[in-house]
């Protein structure tokens, strides 16, 4: 972790972010997986079916469930936990990014007829 922090640049920080449009594109091309890192009680309120659900505090024990050959788009309601998950996954060798604006921005983008923009198989 020390070397990671020492070598962190502004461009590498910005490269860890992904916007909603970019994430929809990557998800549609099957080049990315959306990783929902919310806690279980939040899922009881609203679930986002296209996402792989692994609570942030369970990540260390469930890394084998996350593909290494895809971009991992970490998401939570805003950006706090997804940024933590992103940093953790990068340290573990994953190509991870965090969703700018979180799941709330994604849901907002997919309202109404725009929901068809995300291809779910």
PDB file of N, CA and C in Angstrom:
ATOM      1  N   UNK A   1       0.830  -1.188   0.000  1.00  0.00           N
ATOM      2  CA  UNK A   1       0.000   0.000   0.000  1.00  0.00           C
ATOM      3  C   UNK A   1       0.876   1.253   0.000  1.00  0.00           C
ATOM      4  N   UNK A   2       2.002   1.192   0.686  1.00  0.00           N
ATOM      5  CA  UNK A   2       2.890   2.355   0.724  1.00  0.00           C
ATOM      6  C   UNK A   2       3.346   2.749  -0.678  1.00  0.00           C
ATOM      7  N   UNK A   3       3.775   1.764  -1.465  1.00  0.00           N
ATOM      8  CA  UNK A   3       4.225   2.056  -2.824  1.00  0.00           C
ATOM      9  C   UNK A   3       3.080   2.595  -3.678  1.00  0.00           C
ATOM     10  N   UNK A   4       1.897   2.067  -3.468  1.00  0.00           N
ATOM     11  CA  UNK A   4       0.729   2.539  -4.211  1.00  0.00           C
ATOM     12  C   UNK A   4       0.515   4.037  -3.959  1.00  0.00           C
ATOM     13  N   UNK A   5       0.554   4.429  -2.707  1.00  0.00           N
ATOM     14  CA  UNK A   5       0.348   5.833  -2.346  1.00  0.00           C
ATOM     15  C   UNK A   5       1.493   6.697  -2.876  1.00  0.00           C
ATOM     16  N   UNK A   6       2.709   6.204  -2.738  1.00  0.00           N
ATOM     17  CA  UNK A   6       3.863   6.968  -3.223  1.00  0.00           C
ATOM     18  C   UNK A   6       3.801   7.226  -4.730  1.00  0.00           C
ATOM     19  N   UNK A   7       3.268   6.279  -5.474  1.00  0.00           N
ATOM     20  CA  UNK A   7       3.235   6.376  -6.931  1.00  0.00           C
ATOM     21  C   UNK A   7       1.939   6.941  -7.487  1.00  0.00           C
ATOM     22  N   UNK A   8       1.033   7.329  -6.624  1.00  0.00           N
ATOM     23  CA  UNK A   8      -0.258   7.838  -7.064  1.00  0.00           C
ATOM     24  C   UNK A   8      -0.109   9.238  -7.672  1.00  0.00           C
ATOM     25  N   UNK A   9      -0.637   9.394  -8.876  1.00  0.00           N
ATOM     26  CA  UNK A   9      -0.603  10.693  -9.544  1.00  0.00           C
ATOM     27  C   UNK A   9      -2.036  11.145  -9.794  1.00  0.00           C
ATOM     28  N   UNK A  10      -2.184  12.404 -10.153  1.00  0.00           N
ATOM     29  CA  UNK A  10      -3.522  12.910 -10.436  1.00  0.00           C
ATOM     30  C   UNK A  10      -4.140  12.178 -11.627  1.00  0.00           C
ATOM     31  N   UNK A  11      -3.328  11.847 -12.622  1.00  0.00           N
ATOM     32  CA  UNK A  11      -3.877  11.132 -13.784  1.00  0.00           C
ATOM     33  C   UNK A  11      -4.314   9.717 -13.409  1.00  0.00           C
ATOM     34  N   UNK A  12      -3.586   9.052 -12.510  1.00  0.00           N
ATOM     35  CA  UNK A  12      -4.007   7.706 -12.093  1.00  0.00           C
ATOM     36  C   UNK A  12      -5.262   7.766 -11.228  1.00  0.00           C
ATOM     37  N   UNK A  13      -5.400   8.827 -10.446  1.00  0.00           N
ATOM     38  CA  UNK A  13      -6.622   9.003  -9.654  1.00  0.00           C
ATOM     39  C   UNK A  13      -7.820   9.199 -10.582  1.00  0.00           C
ATOM     40  N   UNK A  14      -7.657  10.051 -11.580  1.00  0.00           N
ATOM     41  CA  UNK A  14      -8.754  10.314 -12.523  1.00  0.00           C
ATOM     42  C   UNK A  14      -9.095   9.072 -13.345  1.00  0.00           C
ATOM     43  N   UNK A  15      -8.118   8.233 -13.621  1.00  0.00           N
ATOM     44  CA  UNK A  15      -8.350   7.015 -14.407  1.00  0.00           C
ATOM     45  C   UNK A  15      -9.176   5.987 -13.640  1.00  0.00           C
ATOM     46  N   UNK A  16      -9.280   6.142 -12.334  1.00  0.00           N
ATOM     47  CA  UNK A  16     -10.058   5.205 -11.517  1.00  0.00           C
ATOM     48  C   UNK A  16     -11.541   5.538 -11.526  1.00  0.00           C
ATOM     49  N   UNK A  17     -11.894   6.668 -12.088  1.00  0.00           N
ATOM     50  CA  UNK A  17     -13.294   7.096 -12.147  1.00  0.00           C
ATOM     51  C   UNK A  17     -13.904   6.689 -13.487  1.00  0.00           C
ATOM     52  N   UNK A  18     -15.194   6.407 -13.475  1.00  0.00           N
ATOM     53  CA  UNK A  18     -15.901   6.104 -14.724  1.00  0.00           C
ATOM     54  C   UNK A  18     -17.281   6.733 -14.632  1.00  0.00           C
ATOM     55  N   UNK A  19     -17.710   7.368 -15.723  1.00  0.00           N
ATOM     56  CA  UNK A  19     -19.028   7.997 -15.684  1.00  0.00           C
ATOM     57  C   UNK A  19     -20.107   7.003 -16.113  1.00  0.00           C
ATOM     58  N   UNK A  20     -21.331   7.418 -15.968  1.00  0.00           N
ATOM     59  CA  UNK A  20     -22.472   6.548 -16.245  1.00  0.00           C
ATOM     60  C   UNK A  20     -22.486   6.083 -17.705  1.00  0.00           C
ATOM     61  N   UNK A  21     -22.267   7.007 -18.630  1.00  0.00           N
ATOM     62  CA  UNK A  21     -22.310   6.648 -20.052  1.00  0.00           C
ATOM     63  C   UNK A  21     -21.228   5.623 -20.394  1.00  0.00           C
ATOM     64  N   UNK A  22     -20.022   5.845 -19.897  1.00  0.00           N
ATOM     65  CA  UNK A  22     -18.929   4.900 -20.152  1.00  0.00           C
ATOM     66  C   UNK A  22     -19.251   3.534 -19.551  1.00  0.00           C
ATOM     67  N   UNK A  23     -19.807   3.530 -18.358  1.00  0.00           N
ATOM     68  CA  UNK A  23     -20.110   2.249 -17.712  1.00  0.00           C
ATOM     69  C   UNK A  23     -21.202   1.496 -18.459  1.00  0.00           C
ATOM     70  N   UNK A  24     -22.231   2.189 -18.944  1.00  0.00           N
ATOM     71  CA  UNK A  24     -23.290   1.535 -19.720  1.00  0.00           C
ATOM     72  C   UNK A  24     -22.693   0.909 -20.981  1.00  0.00           C
ATOM     73  N   UNK A  25     -21.816   1.658 -21.649  1.00  0.00           N
ATOM     74  CA  UNK A  25     -21.153   1.136 -22.855  1.00  0.00           C
ATOM     75  C   UNK A  25     -20.385  -0.151 -22.564  1.00  0.00           C
ATOM     76  N   UNK A  26     -19.561  -0.119 -21.522  1.00  0.00           N
ATOM     77  CA  UNK A  26     -18.748  -1.291 -21.170  1.00  0.00           C
ATOM     78  C   UNK A  26     -19.609  -2.466 -20.730  1.00  0.00           C
ATOM     79  N   UNK A  27     -20.667  -2.188 -19.966  1.00  0.00           N
ATOM     80  CA  UNK A  27     -21.568  -3.255 -19.522  1.00  0.00           C
ATOM     81  C   UNK A  27     -22.273  -3.884 -20.719  1.00  0.00           C
ATOM     82  N   UNK A  28     -22.723  -3.063 -21.651  1.00  0.00           N
ATOM     83  CA  UNK A  28     -23.404  -3.580 -22.845  1.00  0.00           C
ATOM     84  C   UNK A  28     -22.480  -4.428 -23.707  1.00  0.00           C
ATOM     85  N   UNK A  29     -21.202  -4.086 -23.743  1.00  0.00           N
ATOM     86  CA  UNK A  29     -20.235  -4.857 -24.533  1.00  0.00           C
ATOM     87  C   UNK A  29     -19.678  -6.041 -23.738  1.00  0.00           C
ATOM     88  N   UNK A  30     -20.174  -6.228 -22.535  1.00  0.00           N
ATOM     89  CA  UNK A  30     -19.744  -7.338 -21.660  1.00  0.00           C
ATOM     90  C   UNK A  30     -18.261  -7.241 -21.286  1.00  0.00           C
ATOM     91  N   UNK A  31     -17.736  -6.026 -21.288  1.00  0.00           N
ATOM     92  CA  UNK A  31     -16.337  -5.794 -20.927  1.00  0.00           C
ATOM     93  C   UNK A  31     -16.188  -5.413 -19.462  1.00  0.00           C
ATOM     94  N   UNK A  32     -17.317  -5.224 -18.780  1.00  0.00           N
ATOM     95  CA  UNK A  32     -17.286  -4.795 -17.385  1.00  0.00           C
ATOM     96  C   UNK A  32     -18.357  -5.519 -16.584  1.00  0.00           C
ATOM     97  N   UNK A  33     -18.151  -5.518 -15.277  1.00  0.00           N
ATOM     98  CA  UNK A  33     -19.125  -6.030 -14.323  1.00  0.00           C
ATOM     99  C   UNK A  33     -19.410  -4.908 -13.340  1.00  0.00           C
ATOM    100  N   UNK A  34     -20.682  -4.673 -13.079  1.00  0.00           N
ATOM    101  CA  UNK A  34     -21.067  -3.679 -12.087  1.00  0.00           C
ATOM    102  C   UNK A  34     -21.099  -4.364 -10.728  1.00  0.00           C
ATOM    103  N   UNK A  35     -20.289  -3.884  -9.811  1.00  0.00           N
ATOM    104  CA  UNK A  35     -20.188  -4.471  -8.478  1.00  0.00           C
ATOM    105  C   UNK A  35     -20.860  -3.551  -7.465  1.00  0.00           C
ATOM    106  N   UNK A  36     -21.965  -3.994  -6.927  1.00  0.00           N
ATOM    107  CA  UNK A  36     -22.732  -3.249  -5.921  1.00  0.00           C
ATOM    108  C   UNK A  36     -22.161  -3.592  -4.550  1.00  0.00           C
ATOM    109  N   UNK A  37     -21.577  -2.597  -3.869  1.00  0.00           N
ATOM    110  CA  UNK A  37     -20.921  -2.858  -2.579  1.00  0.00           C
ATOM    111  C   UNK A  37     -21.732  -2.322  -1.399  1.00  0.00           C
ATOM    112  N   UNK A  38     -23.032  -2.127  -1.622  1.00  0.00           N
ATOM    113  CA  UNK A  38     -23.887  -1.681  -0.516  1.00  0.00           C
ATOM    114  C   UNK A  38     -24.048  -2.798   0.518  1.00  0.00           C
ATOM    115  N   UNK A  39     -24.639  -2.454   1.648  1.00  0.00           N
ATOM    116  CA  UNK A  39     -24.886  -3.432   2.705  1.00  0.00           C
ATOM    117  C   UNK A  39     -26.241  -4.105   2.476  1.00  0.00           C
ATOM    118  N   UNK A  40     -26.421  -5.323   3.005  1.00  0.00           N
ATOM    119  CA  UNK A  40     -27.657  -6.079   2.740  1.00  0.00           C
ATOM    120  C   UNK A  40     -28.949  -5.321   3.055  1.00  0.00           C
ATOM    121  N   UNK A  41     -28.976  -4.562   4.135  1.00  0.00           N
ATOM    122  CA  UNK A  41     -30.214  -3.852   4.473  1.00  0.00           C
ATOM    123  C   UNK A  41     -30.574  -2.817   3.407  1.00  0.00           C
ATOM    124  N   UNK A  42     -29.592  -2.324   2.669  1.00  0.00           N
ATOM    125  CA  UNK A  42     -29.880  -1.382   1.591  1.00  0.00           C
ATOM    126  C   UNK A  42     -30.522  -2.091   0.402  1.00  0.00           C
ATOM    127  N   UNK A  43     -30.155  -3.335   0.206  1.00  0.00           N
ATOM    128  CA  UNK A  43     -30.741  -4.132  -0.861  1.00  0.00           C
ATOM    129  C   UNK A  43     -32.224  -4.395  -0.588  1.00  0.00           C
ATOM    130  N   UNK A  44     -32.590  -4.462   0.685  1.00  0.00           N
ATOM    131  CA  UNK A  44     -33.990  -4.654   1.041  1.00  0.00           C
ATOM    132  C   UNK A  44     -34.843  -3.481   0.565  1.00  0.00           C
ATOM    133  N   UNK A  45     -34.250  -2.300   0.489  1.00  0.00           N
ATOM    134  CA  UNK A  45     -34.978  -1.105   0.056  1.00  0.00           C
ATOM    135  C   UNK A  45     -35.074  -1.064  -1.465  1.00  0.00           C
ATOM    136  N   UNK A  46     -33.948  -1.274  -2.155  1.00  0.00           N
ATOM    137  CA  UNK A  46     -33.954  -1.335  -3.618  1.00  0.00           C
ATOM    138  C   UNK A  46     -32.773  -2.130  -4.113  1.00  0.00           C
ATOM    139  N   UNK A  47     -33.092  -3.024  -5.033  1.00  0.00           N
ATOM    140  CA  UNK A  47     -32.085  -3.903  -5.613  1.00  0.00           C
ATOM    141  C   UNK A  47     -31.879  -3.523  -7.074  1.00  0.00           C
ATOM    142  N   UNK A  48     -30.641  -3.559  -7.527  1.00  0.00           N
ATOM    143  CA  UNK A  48     -30.338  -3.282  -8.923  1.00  0.00           C
ATOM    144  C   UNK A  48     -29.879  -4.587  -9.544  1.00  0.00           C
ATOM    145  N   UNK A  49     -30.793  -5.260 -10.217  1.00  0.00           N
ATOM    146  CA  UNK A  49     -30.578  -6.624 -10.715  1.00  0.00           C
ATOM    147  C   UNK A  49     -29.331  -6.828 -11.572  1.00  0.00           C
ATOM    148  N   UNK A  50     -28.957  -5.877 -12.460  1.00  0.00           N
ATOM    149  CA  UNK A  50     -27.782  -6.150 -13.309  1.00  0.00           C
ATOM    150  C   UNK A  50     -26.448  -6.172 -12.558  1.00  0.00           C
ATOM    151  N   UNK A  51     -26.460  -5.810 -11.296  1.00  0.00           N
ATOM    152  CA  UNK A  51     -25.203  -5.726 -10.547  1.00  0.00           C
ATOM    153  C   UNK A  51     -24.881  -7.022  -9.813  1.00  0.00           C
ATOM    154  N   UNK A  52     -23.594  -7.280  -9.665  1.00  0.00           N
ATOM    155  CA  UNK A  52     -23.096  -8.355  -8.792  1.00  0.00           C
ATOM    156  C   UNK A  52     -23.059  -7.748  -7.397  1.00  0.00           C
ATOM    157  N   UNK A  53     -23.727  -8.365  -6.442  1.00  0.00           N
ATOM    158  CA  UNK A  53     -23.817  -7.808  -5.103  1.00  0.00           C
ATOM    159  C   UNK A  53     -22.825  -8.490  -4.156  1.00  0.00           C
ATOM    160  N   UNK A  54     -21.863  -7.707  -3.669  1.00  0.00           N
ATOM    161  CA  UNK A  54     -20.959  -8.154  -2.610  1.00  0.00           C
ATOM    162  C   UNK A  54     -20.764  -6.961  -1.678  1.00  0.00           C
ATOM    163  N   UNK A  55     -21.285  -7.029  -0.455  1.00  0.00           N
ATOM    164  CA  UNK A  55     -21.097  -5.911   0.469  1.00  0.00           C
ATOM    165  C   UNK A  55     -19.608  -5.600   0.674  1.00  0.00           C
ATOM    166  N   UNK A  56     -19.308  -4.334   0.849  1.00  0.00           N
ATOM    167  CA  UNK A  56     -17.923  -3.889   0.995  1.00  0.00           C
ATOM    168  C   UNK A  56     -17.167  -4.702   2.035  1.00  0.00           C
ATOM    169  N   UNK A  57     -17.773  -4.930   3.175  1.00  0.00           N
ATOM    170  CA  UNK A  57     -17.071  -5.641   4.253  1.00  0.00           C
ATOM    171  C   UNK A  57     -16.895  -7.135   3.986  1.00  0.00           C
ATOM    172  N   UNK A  58     -17.492  -7.656   2.909  1.00  0.00           N
ATOM    173  CA  UNK A  58     -17.310  -9.065   2.540  1.00  0.00           C
ATOM    174  C   UNK A  58     -16.310  -9.252   1.396  1.00  0.00           C
ATOM    175  N   UNK A  59     -15.833  -8.166   0.814  1.00  0.00           N
ATOM    176  CA  UNK A  59     -14.925  -8.269  -0.330  1.00  0.00           C
ATOM    177  C   UNK A  59     -13.713  -9.164  -0.071  1.00  0.00           C
ATOM    178  N   UNK A  60     -13.002  -9.007   1.047  1.00  0.00           N
ATOM    179  CA  UNK A  60     -11.813  -9.843   1.246  1.00  0.00           C
ATOM    180  C   UNK A  60     -12.092 -11.343   1.182  1.00  0.00           C
ATOM    181  N   UNK A  61     -13.278 -11.753   1.598  1.00  0.00           N
ATOM    182  CA  UNK A  61     -13.616 -13.174   1.627  1.00  0.00           C
ATOM    183  C   UNK A  61     -14.272 -13.673   0.343  1.00  0.00           C
ATOM    184  N   UNK A  62     -14.570 -12.755  -0.596  1.00  0.00           N
ATOM    185  CA  UNK A  62     -15.322 -13.163  -1.788  1.00  0.00           C
ATOM    186  C   UNK A  62     -14.658 -12.740  -3.102  1.00  0.00           C
ATOM    187  N   UNK A  63     -13.359 -12.489  -3.052  1.00  0.00           N
ATOM    188  CA  UNK A  63     -12.639 -12.055  -4.253  1.00  0.00           C
ATOM    189  C   UNK A  63     -12.739 -13.065  -5.397  1.00  0.00           C
ATOM    190  N   UNK A  64     -12.860 -14.335  -5.055  1.00  0.00           N
ATOM    191  CA  UNK A  64     -12.933 -15.368  -6.093  1.00  0.00           C
ATOM    192  C   UNK A  64     -14.218 -15.290  -6.917  1.00  0.00           C
ATOM    193  N   UNK A  65     -15.193 -14.503  -6.484  1.00  0.00           N
ATOM    194  CA  UNK A  65     -16.440 -14.330  -7.224  1.00  0.00           C
ATOM    195  C   UNK A  65     -16.357 -13.206  -8.262  1.00  0.00           C
ATOM    196  N   UNK A  66     -15.244 -12.498  -8.275  1.00  0.00           N
ATOM    197  CA  UNK A  66     -15.096 -11.332  -9.150  1.00  0.00           C
ATOM    198  C   UNK A  66     -14.161 -11.695 -10.299  1.00  0.00           C
ATOM    199  N   UNK A  67     -14.606 -11.494 -11.539  1.00  0.00           N
ATOM    200  CA  UNK A  67     -13.753 -11.858 -12.675  1.00  0.00           C
ATOM    201  C   UNK A  67     -12.532 -10.937 -12.801  1.00  0.00           C
ATOM    202  N   UNK A  68     -11.401 -11.535 -13.102  1.00  0.00           N
ATOM    203  CA  UNK A  68     -10.164 -10.767 -13.292  1.00  0.00           C
ATOM    204  C   UNK A  68     -10.015 -10.284 -14.727  1.00  0.00           C
ATOM    205  N   UNK A  69     -10.834 -10.807 -15.641  1.00  0.00           N
ATOM    206  CA  UNK A  69     -10.686 -10.465 -17.055  1.00  0.00           C
ATOM    207  C   UNK A  69     -11.635  -9.357 -17.517  1.00  0.00           C
ATOM    208  N   UNK A  70     -12.305  -8.700 -16.572  1.00  0.00           N
ATOM    209  CA  UNK A  70     -13.227  -7.609 -16.909  1.00  0.00           C
ATOM    210  C   UNK A  70     -12.919  -6.396 -16.048  1.00  0.00           C
ATOM    211  N   UNK A  71     -13.396  -5.249 -16.487  1.00  0.00           N
ATOM    212  CA  UNK A  71     -13.305  -4.036 -15.678  1.00  0.00           C
ATOM    213  C   UNK A  71     -14.368  -4.136 -14.607  1.00  0.00           C
ATOM    214  N   UNK A  72     -13.986  -3.892 -13.382  1.00  0.00           N
ATOM    215  CA  UNK A  72     -14.930  -3.940 -12.270  1.00  0.00           C
ATOM    216  C   UNK A  72     -15.355  -2.510 -11.950  1.00  0.00           C
ATOM    217  N   UNK A  73     -16.625  -2.224 -12.177  1.00  0.00           N
ATOM    218  CA  UNK A  73     -17.173  -0.902 -11.895  1.00  0.00           C
ATOM    219  C   UNK A  73     -17.830  -0.969 -10.525  1.00  0.00           C
ATOM    220  N   UNK A  74     -17.166  -0.404  -9.545  1.00  0.00           N
ATOM    221  CA  UNK A  74     -17.662  -0.427  -8.167  1.00  0.00           C
ATOM    222  C   UNK A  74     -18.712   0.659  -7.984  1.00  0.00           C
ATOM    223  N   UNK A  75     -19.803   0.302  -7.301  1.00  0.00           N
ATOM    224  CA  UNK A  75     -20.882   1.262  -7.117  1.00  0.00           C
ATOM    225  C   UNK A  75     -21.538   1.103  -5.757  1.00  0.00           C
ATOM    226  N   UNK A  76     -21.924   2.234  -5.204  1.00  0.00           N
ATOM    227  CA  UNK A  76     -22.739   2.320  -4.002  1.00  0.00           C
ATOM    228  C   UNK A  76     -23.684   3.497  -4.248  1.00  0.00           C
ATOM    229  N   UNK A  77     -24.496   3.921  -3.305  1.00  0.00           N
ATOM    230  CA  UNK A  77     -25.405   5.019  -3.613  1.00  0.00           C
ATOM    231  C   UNK A  77     -24.707   6.280  -4.142  1.00  0.00           C
ATOM    232  N   UNK A  78     -23.611   6.651  -3.551  1.00  0.00           N
ATOM    233  CA  UNK A  78     -22.866   7.817  -4.032  1.00  0.00           C
ATOM    234  C   UNK A  78     -21.493   7.357  -4.498  1.00  0.00           C
ATOM    235  N   UNK A  79     -20.432   7.660  -3.734  1.00  0.00           N
ATOM    236  CA  UNK A  79     -19.094   7.238  -4.172  1.00  0.00           C
ATOM    237  C   UNK A  79     -18.190   6.775  -3.034  1.00  0.00           C
ATOM    238  N   UNK A  80     -18.597   6.915  -1.809  1.00  0.00           N
ATOM    239  CA  UNK A  80     -17.699   6.679  -0.683  1.00  0.00           C
ATOM    240  C   UNK A  80     -17.237   5.224  -0.622  1.00  0.00           C
ATOM    241  N   UNK A  81     -18.161   4.292  -0.484  1.00  0.00           N
ATOM    242  CA  UNK A  81     -17.784   2.875  -0.378  1.00  0.00           C
ATOM    243  C   UNK A  81     -17.233   2.334  -1.686  1.00  0.00           C
ATOM    244  N   UNK A  82     -17.775   2.815  -2.811  1.00  0.00           N
ATOM    245  CA  UNK A  82     -17.276   2.318  -4.089  1.00  0.00           C
ATOM    246  C   UNK A  82     -15.832   2.742  -4.324  1.00  0.00           C
ATOM    247  N   UNK A  83     -15.456   3.911  -3.865  1.00  0.00           N
ATOM    248  CA  UNK A  83     -14.068   4.349  -3.978  1.00  0.00           C
ATOM    249  C   UNK A  83     -13.162   3.473  -3.115  1.00  0.00           C
ATOM    250  N   UNK A  84     -13.602   3.152  -1.922  1.00  0.00           N
ATOM    251  CA  UNK A  84     -12.836   2.258  -1.041  1.00  0.00           C
ATOM    252  C   UNK A  84     -12.689   0.888  -1.703  1.00  0.00           C
ATOM    253  N   UNK A  85     -13.795   0.358  -2.235  1.00  0.00           N
ATOM    254  CA  UNK A  85     -13.764  -0.950  -2.905  1.00  0.00           C
ATOM    255  C   UNK A  85     -12.826  -0.909  -4.103  1.00  0.00           C
ATOM    256  N   UNK A  86     -12.879   0.156  -4.863  1.00  0.00           N
ATOM    257  CA  UNK A  86     -12.021   0.316  -6.036  1.00  0.00           C
ATOM    258  C   UNK A  86     -10.546   0.266  -5.629  1.00  0.00           C
ATOM    259  N   UNK A  87     -10.176   1.032  -4.623  1.00  0.00           N
ATOM    260  CA  UNK A  87      -8.787   1.064  -4.164  1.00  0.00           C
ATOM    261  C   UNK A  87      -8.342  -0.322  -3.692  1.00  0.00           C
ATOM    262  N   UNK A  88      -9.221  -0.991  -2.965  1.00  0.00           N
ATOM    263  CA  UNK A  88      -8.913  -2.328  -2.464  1.00  0.00           C
ATOM    264  C   UNK A  88      -8.697  -3.310  -3.621  1.00  0.00           C
ATOM    265  N   UNK A  89      -9.618  -3.291  -4.580  1.00  0.00           N
ATOM    266  CA  UNK A  89      -9.519  -4.224  -5.705  1.00  0.00           C
ATOM    267  C   UNK A  89      -8.288  -3.948  -6.566  1.00  0.00           C
ATOM    268  N   UNK A  90      -7.949  -2.700  -6.758  1.00  0.00           N
ATOM    269  CA  UNK A  90      -6.725  -2.373  -7.497  1.00  0.00           C
ATOM    270  C   UNK A  90      -5.520  -2.978  -6.795  1.00  0.00           C
ATOM    271  N   UNK A  91      -5.478  -2.871  -5.485  1.00  0.00           N
ATOM    272  CA  UNK A  91      -4.374  -3.447  -4.715  1.00  0.00           C
ATOM    273  C   UNK A  91      -4.321  -4.966  -4.856  1.00  0.00           C
ATOM    274  N   UNK A  92      -5.458  -5.572  -5.130  1.00  0.00           N
ATOM    275  CA  UNK A  92      -5.535  -7.030  -5.283  1.00  0.00           C
ATOM    276  C   UNK A  92      -5.361  -7.473  -6.735  1.00  0.00           C
ATOM    277  N   UNK A  93      -5.042  -6.531  -7.620  1.00  0.00           N
ATOM    278  CA  UNK A  93      -4.734  -6.884  -8.998  1.00  0.00           C
ATOM    279  C   UNK A  93      -5.882  -6.801  -9.987  1.00  0.00           C
ATOM    280  N   UNK A  94      -7.012  -6.246  -9.576  1.00  0.00           N
ATOM    281  CA  UNK A  94      -8.159  -6.103 -10.469  1.00  0.00           C
ATOM    282  C   UNK A  94      -8.082  -4.786 -11.225  1.00  0.00           C
ATOM    283  N   UNK A  95      -8.701  -4.750 -12.393  1.00  0.00           N
ATOM    284  CA  UNK A  95      -8.866  -3.514 -13.148  1.00  0.00           C
ATOM    285  C   UNK A  95     -10.180  -2.912 -12.671  1.00  0.00           C
ATOM    286  N   UNK A  96     -10.105  -2.042 -11.674  1.00  0.00           N
ATOM    287  CA  UNK A  96     -11.308  -1.520 -11.040  1.00  0.00           C
ATOM    288  C   UNK A  96     -11.429  -0.009 -11.219  1.00  0.00           C
ATOM    289  N   UNK A  97     -12.678   0.425 -11.253  1.00  0.00           N
ATOM    290  CA  UNK A  97     -13.013   1.840 -11.322  1.00  0.00           C
ATOM    291  C   UNK A  97     -14.215   2.054 -10.409  1.00  0.00           C
ATOM    292  N   UNK A  98     -14.464   3.321 -10.058  1.00  0.00           N
ATOM    293  CA  UNK A  98     -15.682   3.584  -9.291  1.00  0.00           C
ATOM    294  C   UNK A  98     -16.579   4.527 -10.074  1.00  0.00           C
ATOM    295  N   UNK A  99     -17.875   4.297  -9.940  1.00  0.00           N
ATOM    296  CA  UNK A  99     -18.883   5.000 -10.711  1.00  0.00           C
ATOM    297  C   UNK A  99     -19.090   6.411 -10.163  1.00  0.00           C
ATOM    298  N   UNK A 100     -18.829   7.404 -11.010  1.00  0.00           N
ATOM    299  CA  UNK A 100     -19.024   8.800 -10.621  1.00  0.00           C
ATOM    300  C   UNK A 100     -20.510   9.031 -10.363  1.00  0.00           C
ATOM    301  N   UNK A 101     -20.827   9.537  -9.196  1.00  0.00           N
ATOM    302  CA  UNK A 101     -22.223   9.789  -8.836  1.00  0.00           C
ATOM    303  C   UNK A 101     -22.947   8.580  -8.300  1.00  0.00           C
ATOM    304  N   UNK A 102     -22.306   7.431  -8.347  1.00  0.00           N
ATOM    305  CA  UNK A 102     -22.850   6.218  -7.763  1.00  0.00           C
ATOM    306  C   UNK A 102     -24.091   5.669  -8.444  1.00  0.00           C
ATOM    307  N   UNK A 103     -24.711   4.730  -7.768  1.00  0.00           N
ATOM    308  CA  UNK A 103     -25.914   4.084  -8.291  1.00  0.00           C
ATOM    309  C   UNK A 103     -27.051   5.084  -8.487  1.00  0.00           C
ATOM    310  N   UNK A 104     -27.082   6.115  -7.659  1.00  0.00           N
ATOM    311  CA  UNK A 104     -28.148   7.107  -7.811  1.00  0.00           C
ATOM    312  C   UNK A 104     -28.061   7.808  -9.164  1.00  0.00           C
ATOM    313  N   UNK A 105     -26.849   8.084  -9.615  1.00  0.00           N
ATOM    314  CA  UNK A 105     -26.710   8.720 -10.933  1.00  0.00           C
ATOM    315  C   UNK A 105     -27.049   7.736 -12.058  1.00  0.00           C
ATOM    316  N   UNK A 106     -26.708   6.474 -11.874  1.00  0.00           N
ATOM    317  CA  UNK A 106     -27.035   5.460 -12.878  1.00  0.00           C
ATOM    318  C   UNK A 106     -28.551   5.277 -12.974  1.00  0.00           C
ATOM    319  N   UNK A 107     -29.212   5.159 -11.838  1.00  0.00           N
ATOM    320  CA  UNK A 107     -30.665   4.994 -11.816  1.00  0.00           C
ATOM    321  C   UNK A 107     -31.342   6.211 -12.434  1.00  0.00           C
ATOM    322  N   UNK A 108     -30.824   7.399 -12.112  1.00  0.00           N
ATOM    323  CA  UNK A 108     -31.381   8.619 -12.680  1.00  0.00           C
ATOM    324  C   UNK A 108     -31.263   8.613 -14.198  1.00  0.00           C
ATOM    325  N   UNK A 109     -30.128   8.139 -14.708  1.00  0.00           N
ATOM    326  CA  UNK A 109     -29.885   8.078 -16.159  1.00  0.00           C
ATOM    327  C   UNK A 109     -30.793   7.062 -16.849  1.00  0.00           C
ATOM    328  N   UNK A 110     -31.180   6.008 -16.130  1.00  0.00           N
ATOM    329  CA  UNK A 110     -31.966   4.924 -16.722  1.00  0.00           C
ATOM    330  C   UNK A 110     -33.466   5.060 -16.469  1.00  0.00           C
ATOM    331  N   UNK A 111     -33.926   6.258 -16.178  1.00  0.00           N
ATOM    332  CA  UNK A 111     -35.358   6.473 -15.934  1.00  0.00           C
ATOM    333  C   UNK A 111     -36.176   6.302 -17.212  1.00  0.00           C
ATOM    334  N   UNK A 112     -37.362   5.771 -17.048  1.00  0.00           N
ATOM    335  CA  UNK A 112     -38.309   5.684 -18.147  1.00  0.00           C
ATOM    336  C   UNK A 112     -37.782   4.929 -19.348  1.00  0.00           C
ATOM    337  N   UNK A 113     -37.993   5.471 -20.529  1.00  0.00           N
ATOM    338  CA  UNK A 113     -37.619   4.816 -21.766  1.00  0.00           C
ATOM    339  C   UNK A 113     -36.104   4.643 -21.895  1.00  0.00           C
ATOM    340  N   UNK A 114     -35.333   5.443 -21.168  1.00  0.00           N
ATOM    341  CA  UNK A 114     -33.873   5.324 -21.239  1.00  0.00           C
ATOM    342  C   UNK A 114     -33.368   4.043 -20.588  1.00  0.00           C
ATOM    343  N   UNK A 115     -34.205   3.373 -19.846  1.00  0.00           N
ATOM    344  CA  UNK A 115     -33.810   2.108 -19.218  1.00  0.00           C
ATOM    345  C   UNK A 115     -33.413   1.084 -20.268  1.00  0.00           C
ATOM    346  N   UNK A 116     -33.967   1.194 -21.453  1.00  0.00           N
ATOM    347  CA  UNK A 116     -33.653   0.242 -22.518  1.00  0.00           C
ATOM    348  C   UNK A 116     -32.210   0.398 -23.016  1.00  0.00           C
ATOM    349  N   UNK A 117     -31.546   1.478 -22.652  1.00  0.00           N
ATOM    350  CA  UNK A 117     -30.150   1.691 -23.068  1.00  0.00           C
ATOM    351  C   UNK A 117     -29.192   0.687 -22.432  1.00  0.00           C
ATOM    352  N   UNK A 118     -29.570   0.133 -21.285  1.00  0.00           N
ATOM    353  CA  UNK A 118     -28.738  -0.887 -20.640  1.00  0.00           C
ATOM    354  C   UNK A 118     -29.264  -2.239 -21.074  1.00  0.00           C
ATOM    355  N   UNK A 119     -28.449  -2.961 -21.813  1.00  0.00           N
ATOM    356  CA  UNK A 119     -28.839  -4.271 -22.343  1.00  0.00           C
ATOM    357  C   UNK A 119     -28.571  -5.338 -21.280  1.00  0.00           C
ATOM    358  N   UNK A 120     -29.614  -5.970 -20.836  1.00  0.00           N
ATOM    359  CA  UNK A 120     -29.483  -7.013 -19.813  1.00  0.00           C
ATOM    360  C   UNK A 120     -29.814  -8.347 -20.449  1.00  0.00           C
ATOM    361  N   UNK A 121     -28.851  -9.286 -20.331  1.00  0.00           N
ATOM    362  CA  UNK A 121     -29.110 -10.595 -20.928  1.00  0.00           C
ATOM    363  C   UNK A 121     -29.438 -11.614 -19.876  1.00  0.00           C
TER     364      UNK A 121
END
